[in-house]
């Protein structure tokens, strides 16, 4: 990868768009899969998405090796959650985690497997944006559900597993699944990493 230009070019932005679209599809698949588990589906969604999206993230990082691409992907995901009716917290979590993940990857100059893996773990926490209000904005979340016509039975199902213990489990599960998903993604990209001179 030619590192002479640190700025994102038009082809770079197109690549970001393509990989973001693929990432979005994987998150959607994880969403539908988790929907089959009423109550706990919301809690395990970020971890499930992190488990299956590592290859896409590693490919994006490998292709660009520049600051900005990861941040843009986080921004786009945040905007999607925001315009689809989620709280502003969903936008903030995605953009903050996106920028932080970009910065973490840049520490290893986008050429270190270790820093890229850590970057993916940080990025994966962005998907907690839509569910953080379950723990920290309960009344507002209930009002939002009621405004969308959800009945008491549905609301009780959503909040049944919401407690401090489930929050800790959610955070740990995201870390573990992102670690596995990112590691698997790197294994899938091993030959490409070697050609690009990516170090351990």
N, C-alpha and C. Protein backbone atom coordinates (compact mmCIF):
# COMPACT_ATOMS: atom_id res chain seq x y z
N UNK A 1 0.85 -1.21 0.00
CA UNK A 1 0.00 0.00 0.00
C UNK A 1 0.88 1.24 0.00
N UNK A 2 0.65 2.13 -0.92
CA UNK A 2 1.39 3.38 -0.98
C UNK A 2 0.91 4.32 0.10
N UNK A 3 1.84 4.70 0.97
CA UNK A 3 1.47 5.55 2.10
C UNK A 3 1.80 7.02 1.86
N UNK A 4 2.14 7.36 0.61
CA UNK A 4 2.54 8.74 0.32
C UNK A 4 1.40 9.72 0.55
N UNK A 5 0.18 9.28 0.32
CA UNK A 5 -0.97 10.16 0.52
C UNK A 5 -1.76 9.69 1.73
N UNK A 6 -1.92 10.57 2.70
CA UNK A 6 -2.64 10.23 3.91
C UNK A 6 -4.10 10.62 3.83
N UNK A 7 -4.48 11.34 2.76
CA UNK A 7 -5.85 11.80 2.63
C UNK A 7 -6.68 10.78 1.87
N UNK A 8 -7.95 10.69 2.24
CA UNK A 8 -8.85 9.78 1.55
C UNK A 8 -9.18 10.33 0.16
N UNK A 9 -9.08 9.47 -0.83
CA UNK A 9 -9.39 9.85 -2.20
C UNK A 9 -10.82 9.42 -2.53
N UNK A 10 -11.29 9.81 -3.71
CA UNK A 10 -12.62 9.39 -4.15
C UNK A 10 -12.74 7.86 -4.20
N UNK A 11 -11.75 7.14 -4.77
CA UNK A 11 -11.83 5.67 -4.74
C UNK A 11 -11.87 5.13 -3.31
N UNK A 12 -11.13 5.79 -2.39
CA UNK A 12 -11.15 5.37 -0.99
C UNK A 12 -12.56 5.50 -0.42
N UNK A 13 -13.20 6.62 -0.70
CA UNK A 13 -14.55 6.86 -0.19
C UNK A 13 -15.55 5.86 -0.76
N UNK A 14 -15.35 5.49 -2.03
CA UNK A 14 -16.20 4.48 -2.64
C UNK A 14 -16.02 3.15 -1.92
N UNK A 15 -14.77 2.82 -1.61
CA UNK A 15 -14.48 1.58 -0.88
C UNK A 15 -15.14 1.60 0.50
N UNK A 16 -15.05 2.74 1.17
CA UNK A 16 -15.69 2.87 2.49
C UNK A 16 -17.19 2.62 2.36
N UNK A 17 -17.78 3.20 1.31
CA UNK A 17 -19.22 3.01 1.10
C UNK A 17 -19.58 1.55 0.88
N UNK A 18 -18.77 0.86 0.08
CA UNK A 18 -19.04 -0.55 -0.20
C UNK A 18 -18.92 -1.39 1.07
N UNK A 19 -17.84 -1.20 1.82
CA UNK A 19 -17.64 -2.00 3.03
C UNK A 19 -18.65 -1.65 4.11
N UNK A 20 -19.05 -0.40 4.16
CA UNK A 20 -20.08 -0.01 5.12
C UNK A 20 -21.40 -0.68 4.79
N UNK A 21 -21.71 -0.76 3.50
CA UNK A 21 -22.94 -1.43 3.07
C UNK A 21 -22.91 -2.90 3.44
N UNK A 22 -21.76 -3.55 3.25
CA UNK A 22 -21.64 -4.97 3.61
C UNK A 22 -21.76 -5.14 5.12
N UNK A 23 -21.11 -4.24 5.86
CA UNK A 23 -21.20 -4.29 7.31
C UNK A 23 -22.65 -4.11 7.76
N UNK A 24 -23.36 -3.20 7.13
CA UNK A 24 -24.76 -2.96 7.46
C UNK A 24 -25.60 -4.22 7.21
N UNK A 25 -25.32 -4.91 6.12
CA UNK A 25 -26.05 -6.15 5.81
C UNK A 25 -25.80 -7.19 6.90
N UNK A 26 -24.57 -7.31 7.35
CA UNK A 26 -24.24 -8.28 8.40
C UNK A 26 -24.92 -7.92 9.72
N UNK A 27 -24.96 -6.62 10.03
CA UNK A 27 -25.66 -6.19 11.24
C UNK A 27 -27.14 -6.50 11.12
N UNK A 28 -27.70 -6.31 9.94
CA UNK A 28 -29.11 -6.63 9.71
C UNK A 28 -29.38 -8.11 9.90
N UNK A 29 -28.49 -8.95 9.38
CA UNK A 29 -28.63 -10.40 9.57
C UNK A 29 -28.60 -10.75 11.05
N UNK A 30 -27.66 -10.15 11.78
CA UNK A 30 -27.56 -10.39 13.21
C UNK A 30 -28.83 -9.91 13.92
N UNK A 31 -29.39 -8.80 13.45
CA UNK A 31 -30.62 -8.26 14.05
C UNK A 31 -31.78 -9.23 13.90
N UNK A 32 -31.95 -9.77 12.70
CA UNK A 32 -33.03 -10.73 12.46
C UNK A 32 -32.84 -12.01 13.27
N UNK A 33 -31.59 -12.46 13.37
CA UNK A 33 -31.30 -13.67 14.14
C UNK A 33 -31.62 -13.45 15.61
N UNK A 34 -31.22 -12.30 16.14
CA UNK A 34 -31.45 -12.01 17.56
C UNK A 34 -32.93 -11.76 17.85
N UNK A 35 -33.67 -11.33 16.83
CA UNK A 35 -35.10 -11.08 17.02
C UNK A 35 -35.86 -12.35 17.37
N UNK A 36 -35.26 -13.49 17.09
CA UNK A 36 -35.89 -14.75 17.42
C UNK A 36 -35.73 -15.12 18.89
N UNK A 37 -35.04 -14.24 19.62
CA UNK A 37 -34.83 -14.45 21.06
C UNK A 37 -35.44 -13.27 21.80
N UNK A 38 -36.75 -13.26 21.99
CA UNK A 38 -37.42 -12.12 22.65
C UNK A 38 -36.83 -11.84 24.03
N UNK A 39 -36.67 -10.58 24.32
CA UNK A 39 -36.14 -10.19 25.62
C UNK A 39 -34.64 -10.00 25.61
N UNK A 40 -33.91 -11.07 25.29
CA UNK A 40 -32.45 -10.98 25.32
C UNK A 40 -31.85 -10.62 23.97
N UNK A 41 -32.68 -10.61 22.93
CA UNK A 41 -32.18 -10.33 21.59
C UNK A 41 -31.46 -9.00 21.50
N UNK A 42 -32.05 -7.95 22.09
CA UNK A 42 -31.43 -6.62 22.05
C UNK A 42 -30.07 -6.62 22.74
N UNK A 43 -29.95 -7.39 23.81
CA UNK A 43 -28.74 -7.40 24.60
C UNK A 43 -27.58 -8.07 23.86
N UNK A 44 -27.88 -9.15 23.14
CA UNK A 44 -26.82 -9.91 22.49
C UNK A 44 -26.54 -9.45 21.07
N UNK A 45 -27.35 -8.54 20.54
CA UNK A 45 -27.17 -8.09 19.15
C UNK A 45 -25.77 -7.53 18.88
N UNK A 46 -25.24 -6.59 19.68
CA UNK A 46 -23.91 -6.06 19.36
C UNK A 46 -22.84 -7.15 19.34
N UNK A 47 -22.94 -8.11 20.26
CA UNK A 47 -21.96 -9.20 20.30
C UNK A 47 -22.11 -10.09 19.07
N UNK A 48 -23.35 -10.39 18.69
CA UNK A 48 -23.58 -11.23 17.52
C UNK A 48 -23.03 -10.57 16.26
N UNK A 49 -23.26 -9.28 16.12
CA UNK A 49 -22.75 -8.55 14.96
C UNK A 49 -21.23 -8.54 14.95
N UNK A 50 -20.63 -8.35 16.12
CA UNK A 50 -19.17 -8.33 16.22
C UNK A 50 -18.57 -9.67 15.83
N UNK A 51 -19.28 -10.73 16.12
CA UNK A 51 -18.78 -12.08 15.85
C UNK A 51 -18.68 -12.36 14.35
N UNK A 52 -19.59 -11.79 13.56
CA UNK A 52 -19.65 -12.15 12.14
C UNK A 52 -19.09 -11.07 11.20
N UNK A 53 -18.67 -9.94 11.74
CA UNK A 53 -18.29 -8.81 10.87
C UNK A 53 -16.79 -8.53 10.83
N UNK A 54 -16.00 -9.36 11.49
CA UNK A 54 -14.57 -9.09 11.57
C UNK A 54 -13.87 -9.03 10.22
N UNK A 55 -14.24 -9.93 9.31
CA UNK A 55 -13.57 -9.97 8.00
C UNK A 55 -13.78 -8.68 7.22
N UNK A 56 -15.00 -8.15 7.28
CA UNK A 56 -15.29 -6.90 6.56
C UNK A 56 -14.47 -5.75 7.12
N UNK A 57 -14.38 -5.69 8.43
CA UNK A 57 -13.63 -4.61 9.08
C UNK A 57 -12.15 -4.71 8.72
N UNK A 58 -11.60 -5.91 8.79
CA UNK A 58 -10.18 -6.09 8.49
C UNK A 58 -9.87 -5.77 7.03
N UNK A 59 -10.79 -6.13 6.13
CA UNK A 59 -10.60 -5.82 4.72
C UNK A 59 -10.59 -4.31 4.48
N UNK A 60 -11.50 -3.61 5.13
CA UNK A 60 -11.55 -2.15 4.99
C UNK A 60 -10.25 -1.53 5.48
N UNK A 61 -9.81 -1.95 6.66
CA UNK A 61 -8.59 -1.40 7.24
C UNK A 61 -7.38 -1.71 6.36
N UNK A 62 -7.33 -2.93 5.85
CA UNK A 62 -6.22 -3.35 4.99
C UNK A 62 -6.19 -2.56 3.69
N UNK A 63 -7.35 -2.32 3.11
CA UNK A 63 -7.42 -1.64 1.81
C UNK A 63 -7.04 -0.16 1.93
N UNK A 64 -7.49 0.50 3.01
CA UNK A 64 -7.27 1.94 3.13
C UNK A 64 -5.92 2.27 3.77
N UNK A 65 -5.71 1.75 4.96
CA UNK A 65 -4.52 2.07 5.75
C UNK A 65 -4.34 3.59 5.90
N UNK A 66 -5.48 4.27 6.07
CA UNK A 66 -5.49 5.72 6.26
C UNK A 66 -6.52 6.08 7.31
N UNK A 67 -6.27 7.19 7.98
CA UNK A 67 -7.24 7.66 8.97
C UNK A 67 -8.47 8.24 8.27
N UNK A 68 -9.64 7.90 8.78
CA UNK A 68 -10.88 8.47 8.26
C UNK A 68 -11.90 7.45 7.83
N UNK A 69 -11.44 6.35 7.25
CA UNK A 69 -12.38 5.35 6.74
C UNK A 69 -13.22 4.71 7.84
N UNK A 70 -12.58 4.32 8.92
CA UNK A 70 -13.29 3.70 10.04
C UNK A 70 -14.24 4.71 10.67
N UNK A 71 -13.77 5.95 10.80
CA UNK A 71 -14.61 7.01 11.38
C UNK A 71 -15.87 7.22 10.55
N UNK A 72 -15.72 7.22 9.23
CA UNK A 72 -16.86 7.43 8.34
C UNK A 72 -17.85 6.28 8.48
N UNK A 73 -17.35 5.05 8.58
CA UNK A 73 -18.25 3.91 8.73
C UNK A 73 -19.04 4.03 10.03
N UNK A 74 -18.39 4.45 11.10
CA UNK A 74 -19.09 4.66 12.37
C UNK A 74 -20.12 5.77 12.26
N UNK A 75 -19.77 6.84 11.56
CA UNK A 75 -20.69 7.97 11.37
C UNK A 75 -21.93 7.54 10.59
N UNK A 76 -21.72 6.78 9.52
CA UNK A 76 -22.85 6.34 8.69
C UNK A 76 -23.78 5.44 9.49
N UNK A 77 -23.21 4.51 10.26
CA UNK A 77 -24.04 3.62 11.07
C UNK A 77 -24.81 4.42 12.11
N UNK A 78 -24.14 5.40 12.71
CA UNK A 78 -24.81 6.24 13.70
C UNK A 78 -25.96 7.03 13.09
N UNK A 79 -25.74 7.59 11.91
CA UNK A 79 -26.79 8.34 11.24
C UNK A 79 -27.98 7.45 10.90
N UNK A 80 -27.69 6.21 10.50
CA UNK A 80 -28.78 5.29 10.19
C UNK A 80 -29.64 5.04 11.42
N UNK A 81 -29.00 4.75 12.55
CA UNK A 81 -29.76 4.51 13.78
C UNK A 81 -30.56 5.74 14.19
N UNK A 82 -29.96 6.90 14.01
CA UNK A 82 -30.62 8.14 14.41
C UNK A 82 -31.86 8.41 13.57
N UNK A 83 -31.72 8.30 12.24
CA UNK A 83 -32.85 8.60 11.36
C UNK A 83 -33.92 7.51 11.42
N UNK A 84 -33.56 6.32 11.92
CA UNK A 84 -34.54 5.24 12.03
C UNK A 84 -35.30 5.28 13.34
N UNK A 85 -35.09 6.37 14.12
CA UNK A 85 -35.92 6.58 15.30
C UNK A 85 -35.27 6.29 16.63
N UNK A 86 -33.98 5.94 16.63
CA UNK A 86 -33.30 5.68 17.89
C UNK A 86 -32.89 7.00 18.56
N UNK A 87 -32.51 6.91 19.81
CA UNK A 87 -32.10 8.09 20.55
C UNK A 87 -30.78 8.63 20.01
N UNK A 88 -30.50 9.89 20.30
CA UNK A 88 -29.26 10.51 19.85
C UNK A 88 -28.05 9.77 20.39
N UNK A 89 -28.23 9.07 21.51
CA UNK A 89 -27.14 8.30 22.09
C UNK A 89 -26.60 7.27 21.10
N UNK A 90 -27.49 6.75 20.24
CA UNK A 90 -27.05 5.75 19.27
C UNK A 90 -26.08 6.36 18.27
N UNK A 91 -26.35 7.61 17.90
CA UNK A 91 -25.45 8.32 16.99
C UNK A 91 -24.11 8.59 17.66
N UNK A 92 -24.16 9.07 18.90
CA UNK A 92 -22.94 9.43 19.61
C UNK A 92 -22.04 8.23 19.84
N UNK A 93 -22.62 7.11 20.24
CA UNK A 93 -21.83 5.91 20.52
C UNK A 93 -21.09 5.45 19.27
N UNK A 94 -21.78 5.45 18.14
CA UNK A 94 -21.16 4.99 16.90
C UNK A 94 -20.05 5.91 16.43
N UNK A 95 -20.26 7.21 16.47
CA UNK A 95 -19.24 8.12 15.98
C UNK A 95 -18.05 8.16 16.93
N UNK A 96 -18.30 8.15 18.24
CA UNK A 96 -17.19 8.17 19.20
C UNK A 96 -16.36 6.90 19.08
N UNK A 97 -17.02 5.76 19.04
CA UNK A 97 -16.29 4.50 18.91
C UNK A 97 -15.60 4.38 17.56
N UNK A 98 -16.22 4.95 16.51
CA UNK A 98 -15.60 4.93 15.20
C UNK A 98 -14.31 5.72 15.16
N UNK A 99 -14.33 6.93 15.71
CA UNK A 99 -13.13 7.77 15.73
C UNK A 99 -12.05 7.15 16.62
N UNK A 100 -12.46 6.64 17.78
CA UNK A 100 -11.50 6.00 18.69
C UNK A 100 -10.87 4.77 18.03
N UNK A 101 -11.70 3.98 17.33
CA UNK A 101 -11.19 2.80 16.65
C UNK A 101 -10.19 3.18 15.56
N UNK A 102 -10.49 4.26 14.85
CA UNK A 102 -9.58 4.76 13.82
C UNK A 102 -8.24 5.15 14.44
N UNK A 103 -8.32 5.83 15.55
CA UNK A 103 -7.11 6.28 16.26
C UNK A 103 -6.29 5.09 16.76
N UNK A 104 -6.97 4.09 17.31
CA UNK A 104 -6.27 2.90 17.81
C UNK A 104 -5.53 2.20 16.67
N UNK A 105 -6.21 2.03 15.53
CA UNK A 105 -5.57 1.39 14.38
C UNK A 105 -4.38 2.22 13.89
N UNK A 106 -4.49 3.54 14.00
CA UNK A 106 -3.41 4.41 13.51
C UNK A 106 -2.17 4.30 14.37
N UNK A 107 -2.33 3.89 15.63
CA UNK A 107 -1.17 3.72 16.51
C UNK A 107 -0.20 2.70 15.89
N UNK A 108 -0.79 1.65 15.32
CA UNK A 108 0.03 0.65 14.64
C UNK A 108 0.21 0.96 13.17
N UNK A 109 -0.11 2.20 12.76
CA UNK A 109 0.01 2.66 11.37
C UNK A 109 -0.77 1.77 10.42
N UNK A 110 -1.86 1.19 10.91
CA UNK A 110 -2.74 0.33 10.13
C UNK A 110 -1.98 -0.88 9.55
N UNK A 111 -0.91 -1.25 10.22
CA UNK A 111 -0.07 -2.36 9.76
C UNK A 111 0.22 -3.36 10.88
N UNK A 112 -0.41 -3.19 12.00
CA UNK A 112 -0.20 -4.09 13.13
C UNK A 112 -1.48 -4.88 13.40
N UNK A 113 -1.39 -6.21 13.36
CA UNK A 113 -2.55 -7.05 13.63
C UNK A 113 -3.10 -6.79 15.03
N UNK A 114 -2.20 -6.60 15.98
CA UNK A 114 -2.61 -6.39 17.36
C UNK A 114 -3.46 -5.12 17.50
N UNK A 115 -2.98 -4.02 16.92
CA UNK A 115 -3.71 -2.77 17.03
C UNK A 115 -4.97 -2.77 16.19
N UNK A 116 -4.95 -3.49 15.06
CA UNK A 116 -6.16 -3.61 14.24
C UNK A 116 -7.24 -4.40 14.99
N UNK A 117 -6.81 -5.44 15.70
CA UNK A 117 -7.76 -6.23 16.48
C UNK A 117 -8.35 -5.40 17.61
N UNK A 118 -7.49 -4.64 18.30
CA UNK A 118 -7.98 -3.78 19.37
C UNK A 118 -8.92 -2.72 18.81
N UNK A 119 -8.59 -2.23 17.62
CA UNK A 119 -9.44 -1.23 16.96
C UNK A 119 -10.83 -1.80 16.70
N UNK A 120 -10.89 -3.05 16.23
CA UNK A 120 -12.18 -3.68 15.94
C UNK A 120 -13.01 -3.85 17.20
N UNK A 121 -12.35 -4.20 18.29
CA UNK A 121 -13.07 -4.34 19.57
C UNK A 121 -13.70 -3.02 19.97
N UNK A 122 -12.93 -1.93 19.86
CA UNK A 122 -13.45 -0.61 20.20
C UNK A 122 -14.62 -0.25 19.29
N UNK A 123 -14.46 -0.49 17.99
CA UNK A 123 -15.51 -0.15 17.02
C UNK A 123 -16.80 -0.91 17.33
N UNK A 124 -16.68 -2.16 17.74
CA UNK A 124 -17.85 -2.99 17.98
C UNK A 124 -18.74 -2.46 19.10
N UNK A 125 -18.16 -1.70 20.01
CA UNK A 125 -18.96 -1.12 21.09
C UNK A 125 -19.89 0.00 20.59
N UNK A 126 -19.66 0.47 19.37
CA UNK A 126 -20.55 1.48 18.81
C UNK A 126 -21.97 0.99 18.67
N UNK A 127 -22.13 -0.32 18.47
CA UNK A 127 -23.47 -0.88 18.30
C UNK A 127 -24.26 -0.94 19.61
N UNK A 128 -23.64 -0.54 20.70
CA UNK A 128 -24.40 -0.45 21.97
C UNK A 128 -25.28 0.80 21.98
N UNK A 129 -25.05 1.72 21.04
CA UNK A 129 -25.81 2.97 21.02
C UNK A 129 -27.31 2.79 21.12
N UNK A 130 -27.92 1.93 20.28
CA UNK A 130 -29.37 1.78 20.32
C UNK A 130 -29.90 1.13 21.59
N UNK A 131 -29.02 0.38 22.32
CA UNK A 131 -29.53 -0.33 23.50
C UNK A 131 -29.12 0.30 24.83
N UNK A 132 -28.17 1.21 24.83
CA UNK A 132 -27.77 1.85 26.09
C UNK A 132 -28.94 2.53 26.81
N UNK A 133 -29.88 3.14 26.06
CA UNK A 133 -31.03 3.75 26.74
C UNK A 133 -31.87 2.76 27.55
N UNK A 134 -31.79 1.48 27.23
CA UNK A 134 -32.52 0.48 28.01
C UNK A 134 -32.09 0.53 29.47
N UNK A 135 -30.82 0.78 29.70
CA UNK A 135 -30.31 0.84 31.07
C UNK A 135 -30.29 2.25 31.64
N UNK A 136 -29.98 3.23 30.79
CA UNK A 136 -29.71 4.57 31.29
C UNK A 136 -30.79 5.61 30.99
N UNK A 137 -31.78 5.26 30.17
CA UNK A 137 -32.87 6.19 29.86
C UNK A 137 -34.18 5.40 29.80
N UNK A 138 -34.44 4.64 30.85
CA UNK A 138 -35.57 3.70 30.84
C UNK A 138 -36.90 4.40 30.59
N UNK A 139 -37.17 5.47 31.33
CA UNK A 139 -38.47 6.15 31.20
C UNK A 139 -38.67 6.70 29.79
N UNK A 140 -37.62 7.30 29.24
CA UNK A 140 -37.71 7.86 27.89
C UNK A 140 -37.90 6.75 26.86
N UNK A 141 -37.25 5.62 27.10
CA UNK A 141 -37.36 4.50 26.17
C UNK A 141 -38.78 3.92 26.19
N UNK A 142 -39.33 3.80 27.39
CA UNK A 142 -40.70 3.30 27.51
C UNK A 142 -41.68 4.24 26.82
N UNK A 143 -41.48 5.54 27.00
CA UNK A 143 -42.35 6.52 26.35
C UNK A 143 -42.26 6.40 24.83
N UNK A 144 -41.03 6.15 24.34
CA UNK A 144 -40.84 5.99 22.91
C UNK A 144 -41.57 4.75 22.39
N UNK A 145 -41.49 3.66 23.13
CA UNK A 145 -42.19 2.43 22.73
C UNK A 145 -43.71 2.63 22.75
N UNK A 146 -44.19 3.31 23.78
CA UNK A 146 -45.62 3.58 23.85
C UNK A 146 -46.08 4.45 22.69
N UNK A 147 -45.21 5.41 22.32
CA UNK A 147 -45.53 6.28 21.21
C UNK A 147 -45.61 5.54 19.89
N UNK A 148 -44.93 4.39 19.82
CA UNK A 148 -44.96 3.57 18.62
C UNK A 148 -46.03 2.48 18.70
N UNK A 149 -46.87 2.59 19.72
CA UNK A 149 -48.01 1.67 19.83
C UNK A 149 -47.73 0.33 20.48
N UNK A 150 -46.60 0.19 21.17
CA UNK A 150 -46.27 -1.06 21.83
C UNK A 150 -47.06 -1.20 23.12
N UNK A 151 -47.57 -2.41 23.37
CA UNK A 151 -48.37 -2.61 24.58
C UNK A 151 -47.51 -2.99 25.77
N UNK A 152 -48.15 -3.10 26.94
CA UNK A 152 -47.42 -3.36 28.18
C UNK A 152 -46.70 -4.71 28.15
N UNK A 153 -47.32 -5.70 27.51
CA UNK A 153 -46.69 -7.02 27.44
C UNK A 153 -45.37 -6.96 26.69
N UNK A 154 -45.37 -6.25 25.57
CA UNK A 154 -44.15 -6.11 24.77
C UNK A 154 -43.08 -5.36 25.57
N UNK A 155 -43.49 -4.28 26.22
CA UNK A 155 -42.54 -3.47 26.98
C UNK A 155 -41.94 -4.27 28.13
N UNK A 156 -42.77 -5.07 28.80
CA UNK A 156 -42.26 -5.90 29.90
C UNK A 156 -41.28 -6.95 29.40
N UNK A 157 -41.53 -7.46 28.20
CA UNK A 157 -40.62 -8.43 27.60
C UNK A 157 -39.27 -7.80 27.31
N UNK A 158 -39.31 -6.56 26.79
CA UNK A 158 -38.07 -5.86 26.46
C UNK A 158 -37.26 -5.58 27.71
N UNK A 159 -37.92 -5.15 28.77
CA UNK A 159 -37.20 -4.74 29.97
C UNK A 159 -37.02 -5.85 31.00
N UNK A 160 -37.57 -7.03 30.73
CA UNK A 160 -37.43 -8.13 31.67
C UNK A 160 -35.99 -8.43 32.06
N UNK A 161 -35.07 -8.55 31.09
CA UNK A 161 -33.69 -8.89 31.45
C UNK A 161 -32.78 -7.68 31.72
N UNK A 162 -33.35 -6.49 31.73
CA UNK A 162 -32.53 -5.29 31.89
C UNK A 162 -32.20 -5.04 33.35
N UNK A 163 -30.95 -5.25 33.71
CA UNK A 163 -30.45 -4.99 35.07
C UNK A 163 -28.93 -4.83 34.99
N UNK A 164 -28.31 -4.56 36.11
CA UNK A 164 -26.87 -4.33 36.11
C UNK A 164 -26.10 -5.57 35.66
N UNK A 165 -26.61 -6.75 36.01
CA UNK A 165 -25.94 -7.98 35.61
C UNK A 165 -25.94 -8.17 34.10
N UNK A 166 -27.08 -7.90 33.46
CA UNK A 166 -27.17 -8.07 32.01
C UNK A 166 -26.30 -7.04 31.29
N UNK A 167 -26.13 -5.87 31.89
CA UNK A 167 -25.27 -4.85 31.29
C UNK A 167 -23.82 -5.34 31.26
N UNK A 168 -23.37 -5.90 32.38
CA UNK A 168 -22.00 -6.42 32.46
C UNK A 168 -21.82 -7.56 31.46
N UNK A 169 -22.81 -8.44 31.39
CA UNK A 169 -22.74 -9.56 30.44
C UNK A 169 -22.64 -9.05 29.01
N UNK A 170 -23.44 -8.03 28.69
CA UNK A 170 -23.43 -7.44 27.35
C UNK A 170 -22.04 -6.91 27.00
N UNK A 171 -21.44 -6.17 27.92
CA UNK A 171 -20.13 -5.57 27.68
C UNK A 171 -19.06 -6.64 27.49
N UNK A 172 -19.09 -7.66 28.34
CA UNK A 172 -18.11 -8.74 28.24
C UNK A 172 -18.31 -9.54 26.96
N UNK A 173 -19.57 -9.79 26.61
CA UNK A 173 -19.87 -10.57 25.41
C UNK A 173 -19.38 -9.86 24.15
N UNK A 174 -19.55 -8.55 24.11
CA UNK A 174 -19.07 -7.78 22.95
C UNK A 174 -17.55 -7.91 22.82
N UNK A 175 -16.87 -7.78 23.94
CA UNK A 175 -15.40 -7.90 23.93
C UNK A 175 -14.98 -9.27 23.41
N UNK A 176 -15.59 -10.32 23.97
CA UNK A 176 -15.21 -11.69 23.59
C UNK A 176 -15.53 -11.98 22.13
N UNK A 177 -16.72 -11.58 21.69
CA UNK A 177 -17.13 -11.86 20.31
C UNK A 177 -16.35 -11.03 19.30
N UNK A 178 -16.03 -9.79 19.65
CA UNK A 178 -15.22 -8.96 18.75
C UNK A 178 -13.80 -9.51 18.66
N UNK A 179 -13.30 -10.01 19.78
CA UNK A 179 -11.96 -10.62 19.79
C UNK A 179 -11.93 -11.84 18.86
N UNK A 180 -12.94 -12.68 18.98
CA UNK A 180 -13.02 -13.89 18.14
C UNK A 180 -13.27 -13.51 16.68
N UNK A 181 -14.25 -12.61 16.46
CA UNK A 181 -14.58 -12.20 15.11
C UNK A 181 -13.42 -11.52 14.40
N UNK A 182 -12.72 -10.65 15.14
CA UNK A 182 -11.57 -9.96 14.55
C UNK A 182 -10.43 -10.92 14.26
N UNK A 183 -10.18 -11.83 15.19
CA UNK A 183 -9.13 -12.84 14.99
C UNK A 183 -9.44 -13.72 13.79
N UNK A 184 -10.69 -14.14 13.68
CA UNK A 184 -11.11 -14.96 12.54
C UNK A 184 -10.95 -14.17 11.25
N UNK A 185 -11.33 -12.89 11.28
CA UNK A 185 -11.18 -12.05 10.09
C UNK A 185 -9.73 -11.95 9.65
N UNK A 186 -8.83 -11.84 10.62
CA UNK A 186 -7.41 -11.77 10.29
C UNK A 186 -6.91 -13.09 9.72
N UNK A 187 -7.40 -14.20 10.25
CA UNK A 187 -7.02 -15.50 9.71
C UNK A 187 -7.50 -15.65 8.27
N UNK A 188 -8.72 -15.16 8.01
CA UNK A 188 -9.26 -15.21 6.66
C UNK A 188 -8.43 -14.37 5.70
N UNK A 189 -7.85 -13.28 6.22
CA UNK A 189 -7.11 -12.35 5.37
C UNK A 189 -5.61 -12.58 5.43
N UNK A 190 -5.18 -13.73 5.97
CA UNK A 190 -3.76 -13.95 6.23
C UNK A 190 -2.88 -13.71 5.02
N UNK A 191 -3.26 -14.27 3.88
CA UNK A 191 -2.44 -14.11 2.68
C UNK A 191 -2.38 -12.65 2.24
N UNK A 192 -3.52 -11.95 2.35
CA UNK A 192 -3.55 -10.54 1.97
C UNK A 192 -2.70 -9.71 2.92
N UNK A 193 -2.74 -10.04 4.21
CA UNK A 193 -1.92 -9.33 5.20
C UNK A 193 -0.44 -9.51 4.88
N UNK A 194 -0.07 -10.74 4.54
CA UNK A 194 1.34 -11.02 4.27
C UNK A 194 1.82 -10.23 3.05
N UNK A 195 0.99 -10.16 2.02
CA UNK A 195 1.36 -9.43 0.81
C UNK A 195 1.50 -7.93 1.09
N UNK A 196 0.66 -7.43 2.02
CA UNK A 196 0.68 -6.00 2.33
C UNK A 196 1.71 -5.65 3.40
N UNK A 197 2.38 -6.67 3.92
CA UNK A 197 3.40 -6.42 4.94
C UNK A 197 2.84 -6.11 6.31
N UNK A 198 1.62 -6.58 6.59
CA UNK A 198 1.02 -6.36 7.90
C UNK A 198 1.77 -7.20 8.93
N UNK A 199 2.12 -6.60 10.05
CA UNK A 199 2.93 -7.29 11.07
C UNK A 199 2.04 -7.80 12.18
N UNK A 200 2.59 -8.72 12.97
CA UNK A 200 1.83 -9.33 14.07
C UNK A 200 1.60 -8.34 15.18
